[in-house]
Structures are given as C-alpha cells and as structure tokens.
Amino acid sequence: MIYNDAVKDIIDNISRITQSVSQEEINEMTKMILDVDHVFIMGLGRSGLVAKAFGMRLMHLGLKVYIVGETITPAITENDCLIAISGSGETSYIISTTGIAKSIGAKIIAITSYTESSLAKKSDLVVQLKGRTKIDDETNYIRRQISGQHQTLSPMGTIFEISALVFLDSIIAQMMHDLGQTEEDLKSRHTVLE
C-alpha cells in the first residue's frame, strides 16, 4: 500500500536528515538565539507554518519573538536575529527581506536544503536540512535503479518542511534543557484566551 510506503519513506528521510545536523551547528544556533534582543522568523507557504510553530515555542520559552509579515512586528535592529526557513533558499521575498536585515546588521540564520543558495550566502549560520536531491529530477527509471536511489513518495517540499518542524522542535527541547525550563514553565506562557 502506497500509504505505508510513504510513511516509512518520510520517517526514514526525516531521521537521516535531522541526525546530519552537527552538535556545533545546534550550539551555535541556540547561542545566537539567546544572545539577541529579539528573534524574527520567516518562511512562506508550508515553511511559513513551520516558522509560526517555532515562533510559538520560542515565545513559550519566554523569548521576544516576531513572525515577519505580521502587523505587530517591530523594526529589526543590529541586536536582533532573523531566522529564514526556505527549502530552496531562493524565494525572492525571503532573499530581499534577509538582505534588508543583513544591511541593518542583524544576525541571519538560514534553514535550507541548499548551502550554496542566495539565502545561505547572506547568512551568518546555515543549517542544512536536505530535502529532495538532484536524483529526484532524474527521469530515467533505469538510471535511478542502477544508482540505488529512488524518488521519494512525499510530494514537493514535504521532506524539508517536516524535517524543519522536527529539527526546530528538537532545538526547543535543547533550549528547555539549557535554560532549565520545564513543560510547566512553557505552559504558564501558553495562551489562555481560547
């Protein structure tokens, strides 16, 4: 059944991708987040949903965090950090916004599949979460089979987006530990207006 094959494919890919992030990258990312006054997060489409989920958890940790594009988002300064989530690293809005933040002096963290992308080149830290690879563009079935690589069963950017969500939630777990916070601490900051 395709469903079961897709579940296994997605889980296997997420495990491989998220485990490829080094402890040094994790340490550098958490340090950058904790060393700034405000954290700004952005992504478009499904990556934007991942950005909002991560922003919510940072707020639960007690950090000052904003989602780029919301009406209450203040100006970014040189004492702030922008986290940009883009599988391709070439989304024009993200590139232009990152350029503005960089020109102001803000730190930039890129979460992307491509370390040579325009986004990566503008960033102070690049965390690579490999999504689809070039083999997925290979249309010759025999060539794919001989190489031992097969197309993923997940559509479009699914592998990147889910990997980003898992990676960023794991960053939250690391930060909870580093800050000595418990789930009760996070719950105390959860909205009560629902």
Protein backbone atom coordinates (compact mmCIF):
# COMPACT_ATOMS: atom_id res chain seq x y z
CA MET A 1 0.00 0.00 0.00
CA ILE A 2 1.41 3.41 -1.00
CA TYR A 3 0.32 4.97 2.31
CA ASN A 4 2.53 2.63 4.39
CA ASP A 5 5.44 3.04 1.98
CA ALA A 6 5.08 6.84 2.14
CA VAL A 7 5.03 6.85 5.97
CA LYS A 8 8.21 4.76 6.09
CA ASP A 9 9.89 6.90 3.43
CA ILE A 10 9.06 10.15 5.24
CA ILE A 11 10.18 8.86 8.66
CA ASP A 12 13.40 7.39 7.28
CA ASN A 13 14.25 10.63 5.47
CA ILE A 14 13.46 12.83 8.47
CA SER A 15 15.61 10.68 10.73
CA ARG A 16 18.55 10.75 8.31
CA ILE A 17 18.26 14.50 7.64
CA THR A 18 17.84 15.70 11.22
CA GLN A 19 20.65 13.48 12.51
CA SER A 20 23.02 15.01 9.97
CA VAL A 21 22.96 18.37 11.81
CA SER A 22 26.12 18.72 13.89
CA GLN A 23 26.23 19.49 17.61
CA GLU A 24 28.31 22.58 16.74
CA GLU A 25 25.52 23.91 14.49
CA ILE A 26 22.95 23.27 17.22
CA ASN A 27 25.12 25.02 19.83
CA GLU A 28 25.79 27.98 17.54
CA MET A 29 22.11 28.35 16.67
CA THR A 30 20.90 28.24 20.26
CA LYS A 31 23.63 30.68 21.34
CA MET A 32 22.70 33.13 18.57
CA ILE A 33 19.03 32.95 19.55
CA LEU A 34 19.77 33.55 23.23
CA ASP A 35 22.31 36.34 22.63
CA VAL A 36 19.95 38.71 20.80
CA ASP A 37 17.22 41.07 21.95
CA HIS A 38 14.53 39.81 19.56
CA VAL A 39 14.12 36.84 17.23
CA PHE A 40 12.36 37.36 13.90
CA ILE A 41 11.25 34.28 11.97
CA MET A 42 10.06 33.92 8.41
CA GLY A 43 9.06 31.37 5.82
CA LEU A 44 6.47 31.24 3.06
CA GLY A 45 3.83 28.62 2.33
CA ARG A 46 4.23 25.47 4.40
CA SER A 47 7.65 26.68 5.57
CA GLY A 48 5.79 29.70 6.94
CA LEU A 49 3.60 27.40 9.02
CA VAL A 50 6.76 25.76 10.40
CA ALA A 51 8.13 29.25 11.18
CA LYS A 52 4.99 30.14 13.13
CA ALA A 53 5.11 26.88 15.09
CA PHE A 54 8.75 27.54 16.05
CA GLY A 55 7.96 31.15 16.93
CA MET A 56 5.19 29.99 19.27
CA ARG A 57 7.57 27.66 21.10
CA LEU A 58 10.24 30.38 21.44
CA MET A 59 7.55 32.60 22.96
CA HIS A 60 6.68 29.76 25.35
CA LEU A 61 10.35 29.76 26.37
CA GLY A 62 9.94 33.44 27.30
CA LEU A 63 11.86 34.93 24.36
CA LYS A 64 10.80 38.03 22.47
CA VAL A 65 9.89 36.66 19.05
CA TYR A 66 8.09 38.01 16.00
CA ILE A 67 6.83 36.50 12.77
CA VAL A 68 7.86 38.60 9.77
CA GLY A 69 4.81 39.97 7.97
CA GLU A 70 2.52 40.20 10.99
CA THR A 71 1.10 43.68 11.59
CA ILE A 72 2.59 43.98 15.10
CA THR A 73 6.15 43.09 14.06
CA PRO A 74 8.53 45.93 15.03
CA ALA A 75 11.63 47.10 13.21
CA ILE A 76 14.61 44.76 13.30
CA THR A 77 17.90 46.10 14.72
CA GLU A 78 21.55 45.10 14.79
CA ASN A 79 20.87 43.47 18.18
CA ASP A 80 18.36 41.03 16.68
CA CYS A 81 18.34 37.79 14.72
CA LEU A 82 16.35 36.72 11.66
CA ILE A 83 15.69 33.02 11.12
CA ALA A 84 14.72 32.34 7.50
CA ILE A 85 13.25 28.97 6.52
CA SER A 86 13.38 28.15 2.80
CA GLY A 87 13.96 24.76 1.24
CA SER A 88 15.29 26.22 -2.00
CA GLY A 89 16.97 29.23 -0.41
CA GLU A 90 15.89 31.17 -3.49
CA THR A 91 12.43 32.50 -2.58
CA SER A 92 12.56 36.14 -3.72
CA TYR A 93 10.65 37.63 -0.77
CA ILE A 94 12.89 35.81 1.71
CA ILE A 95 16.04 36.87 -0.15
CA SER A 96 15.02 40.54 -0.24
CA THR A 97 13.90 40.58 3.41
CA THR A 98 17.09 38.84 4.50
CA GLY A 99 19.08 41.44 2.56
CA ILE A 100 17.36 44.25 4.45
CA ALA A 101 18.00 42.59 7.82
CA LYS A 102 21.64 41.95 6.89
CA SER A 103 22.15 45.60 5.85
CA ILE A 104 20.86 46.70 9.27
CA GLY A 105 23.36 44.38 10.97
CA ALA A 106 21.01 41.68 12.28
CA LYS A 107 22.32 38.12 12.52
CA ILE A 108 20.87 35.72 9.94
CA ILE A 109 20.20 32.01 10.46
CA ALA A 110 19.20 30.08 7.34
CA ILE A 111 17.35 26.78 7.48
CA THR A 112 17.63 25.44 3.92
CA SER A 113 18.42 22.41 1.77
CA TYR A 114 21.00 24.26 -0.31
CA THR A 115 24.22 25.58 1.22
CA GLU A 116 25.13 27.47 -1.97
CA SER A 117 21.77 29.25 -2.28
CA SER A 118 21.30 33.02 -2.23
CA LEU A 119 19.86 32.75 1.28
CA ALA A 120 22.81 30.71 2.54
CA LYS A 121 25.29 33.22 1.12
CA LYS A 122 23.65 36.06 3.11
CA SER A 123 23.58 34.12 6.39
CA ASP A 124 25.79 34.01 9.45
CA LEU A 125 24.77 30.41 10.13
CA VAL A 126 23.40 27.87 7.66
CA VAL A 127 21.68 24.73 8.90
CA GLN A 128 21.27 22.33 6.02
CA LEU A 129 18.22 20.08 6.03
CA LYS A 130 18.42 18.20 2.75
CA GLY A 131 15.08 17.91 1.03
CA ARG A 132 14.76 16.44 -2.41
CA THR A 133 18.02 15.74 -4.17
CA LYS A 134 19.04 16.05 -7.81
CA ILE A 135 18.23 12.37 -8.32
CA ASP A 136 14.55 13.27 -7.95
CA ASP A 137 14.82 15.18 -11.21
CA GLU A 138 16.24 12.15 -13.00
CA THR A 139 13.50 10.89 -15.32
CA ASN A 140 15.32 7.76 -16.47
CA TYR A 141 13.94 4.92 -14.33
CA ILE A 142 16.79 2.52 -15.16
CA ARG A 143 19.44 5.12 -14.24
CA ARG A 144 17.72 5.71 -10.87
CA GLN A 145 17.52 1.97 -10.18
CA ILE A 146 21.15 1.35 -11.11
CA SER A 147 22.29 4.19 -8.85
CA GLY A 148 20.29 2.65 -5.99
CA GLN A 149 18.32 5.83 -5.43
CA HIS A 150 14.61 6.18 -5.77
CA GLN A 151 12.22 9.06 -5.89
CA THR A 152 10.67 9.93 -2.57
CA LEU A 153 6.99 9.15 -2.15
CA SER A 154 6.34 12.50 -0.47
CA PRO A 155 5.20 15.40 -2.66
CA MET A 156 7.13 18.59 -3.35
CA GLY A 157 8.80 20.07 -0.25
CA THR A 158 7.26 17.72 2.31
CA ILE A 159 10.54 16.15 3.42
CA PHE A 160 12.16 19.56 4.00
CA GLU A 161 9.15 21.04 5.78
CA ILE A 162 8.57 18.13 8.15
CA SER A 163 12.31 17.81 8.80
CA ALA A 164 12.40 21.54 9.64
CA LEU A 165 9.49 21.13 12.06
CA VAL A 166 11.12 18.16 13.80
CA PHE A 167 14.54 19.86 13.86
CA LEU A 168 13.16 23.11 15.30
CA ASP A 169 11.04 21.33 17.93
CA SER A 170 14.19 19.44 18.93
CA ILE A 171 16.01 22.79 19.22
CA ILE A 172 13.26 23.84 21.64
CA ALA A 173 13.88 20.69 23.72
CA GLN A 174 17.61 21.51 23.80
CA MET A 175 16.91 25.10 24.80
CA MET A 176 14.49 23.99 27.54
CA HIS A 177 17.30 21.87 28.95
CA ASP A 178 19.90 24.64 28.59
CA LEU A 179 17.63 27.21 30.25
CA GLY A 180 16.48 24.84 32.99
CA GLN A 181 12.84 25.21 31.95
CA THR A 182 10.13 22.60 32.31
CA GLU A 183 6.94 21.96 30.41
CA GLU A 184 5.13 23.71 33.28
CA ASP A 185 7.20 26.84 32.60
CA LEU A 186 6.16 26.74 28.94
CA LYS A 187 2.51 26.08 29.81
CA SER A 188 2.49 29.16 32.04
CA ARG A 189 3.11 31.28 28.92
CA HIS A 190 0.57 29.46 26.73
CA THR A 191 -2.44 31.50 25.66
CA VAL A 192 -5.44 31.49 27.97
CA LEU A 193 -7.64 33.42 25.53
CA GLU A 194 -9.02 30.40 23.69
